[in-house]
Amino acid sequence: MIEKSYSHETRSPTTRISTGVAGLDDILCGGLTAQRVYLVEGSPGTGKTTLGLQFLLEGVAHGQRGLYITLSETADELNAVAESHCWDIGKITVFELANDNSLHPDAQQSVFHPSEVELGETTKTVMERVNELKPLRVVFDSLSEMRLLAQNPLRYRRQILALKQFFAQRDCTVLLLDDKSNSPDQQLHSIAHGVISLEQIAQEFGKERRRVNVIKMRGIKFRGGYHDYILETGGLKIFPRLVAAEHNKQFEASTSSTGLPSFDKLLGGGLVSGTNSLIVGPSGIGKTTVSVRCLLSALERGEKASFYLFDEGLGTFFARSASLGLDVQSYVDSGQLAIQHIDPAELAPGEFAQMLRDAVELTCVKFIVIDSLNAYLQAMPGEHFLTLQMHELLSYLNQQGVTTVLVLGQHGLIGEVRTDVDLSYLSDTTVLLRFFESNGRLRRAITVIKSRTSNHLLTIHELQLGSSGIIIGEALEGFEGVLTGLPTYRGVTPMLSADADAGR
């Protein structure tokens, strides 16, 4: 039996401590239970070493000694990792089990000196170092070498159990890092108090995707499932999966103008706070222009807004808006409007959801435009996952009282058109734009096909874009088949005048 050979301030077993990664603490609903042994598994490159260093640095920030025991990396390599993140790990003790003696010819095929080949001797060395330093936080990197030394599964399990008992008696909170080179080690899963799995998924094109999954955590509530994370300068940044039910907020709904009286009338009064509106139509029909007009109206009321632009460049966006009399540049300069151009090939879906959360919770944004969902779909592994995440995201924004405008492009110009994904059932309001042909000219039509908050008009109107802005004409009475793109005319409704700007 191993007895305690030293004493220090003993922490209550129910104490929760931070992992050093805010997103992971969120997933764990407060952090790790102290004085326990945890397994962090993942293939090379997933960030296990980085997470281990963040864990120890968090302890240093709270006056807790940290010990990094390494069998697979040298102290110089650890310092290089720290320098890449601009960290100073001078207050962390690094203990190399693989030292210069490992290269002695007598070591033959083992990385250890003959006196240290036995697993028991290696374990004893670790224990002596822990007794000497009395750390409260320990990272053991990695178990792969321990597994090779043991050779026998039974002996390996007994040594891990011995280490677990040893650390527990010394009030240590320990992260055991494992390369997960083979299938998941169920023996380790059963021994560890908690299991955190890091994954890296290569894409056919674009940046690799990383995700974390808390497989097991005894005695505490945690948010299961996969959560996206990125590995950047400064360490791991984890984006907890958004659960709308956790963010209920009371607000007073109000109806606001779009800036176009004719569009307000079509919508049954305007846009309602705490709802989302989906603008659907083919390329070039004016979806972005209509959304910018709604955005500008919110800015004129003094609301803070964010515009997430996936499809076109910022230069093109500003130039086109200005040519249509929609000046948004001044609001960007004042900081009232934030426009972010996003490359879907470099975006983790969870990262985008976190961007919206930060905009709402940190900068009090009340109006959001996402243009377009087609490009955002490319950042998702499939339509099914896009629908699930958009459901949570829109529910969250609605509960925060945010007015959201979504743009969804369709394939085709006239006749039969189709979309990459059908999200109309998730929208509170759906605005449909269509091209149609009349008298040898290509024209635009607009209608509202759905509204959960008001009695909207069911009429179809002509839409025109020009230097004077957006013009919505009278109802196209007498026309049949406008939405097919090839209507027949049986009435006297005058068309809007054709001018040089009609093709914008």
Foldseek 3Di string as FASTA:
>chain_A
DDDQPDDDDADDQQDADALLAVQVCVQQVHHARFLFEEEEEEAPPLFPLLSLLSNQVSCVVVVFAEEEEAADDDPVVSVVVCVLLPHDCVRHHYHYQQDPCLPPVCVPPGSHHPVCLALVNVLVVVLVVCSVPLTQEYEYHACVSVCVSQVDPVSSLVSVLVVRVSSSNSRHYYYYYYNCPDPDDVSVVVRGQWYKYKYWADDPFFDIWIWIATPHHPPGDGNGDIWTWDQHRNGIHTQPQFAQVVQFDDDDKDAFALQDPVVCQQQFHHFIFLFEEEEEEAPQLCQVQSLLSSVLRCVVVVAAEEEEAEDDDPVVVQVVCVQQVRHPPVCVVVVSYHYDYDHLSHDALSVVLVVVVCCCPVVVGAEYEYPAVQRNCSNDPDQVVSLVSVLSSSSNSSSSRHYYYYYFHWPDAAADIGGPYDPVVSGQWYKYKHWADDPRDIWMKIHTPHHNPRDGDGFIWTWFTGSNHIDTHDGQPQWDPVRRRYIDGGDDGDDPDDDPGRSD
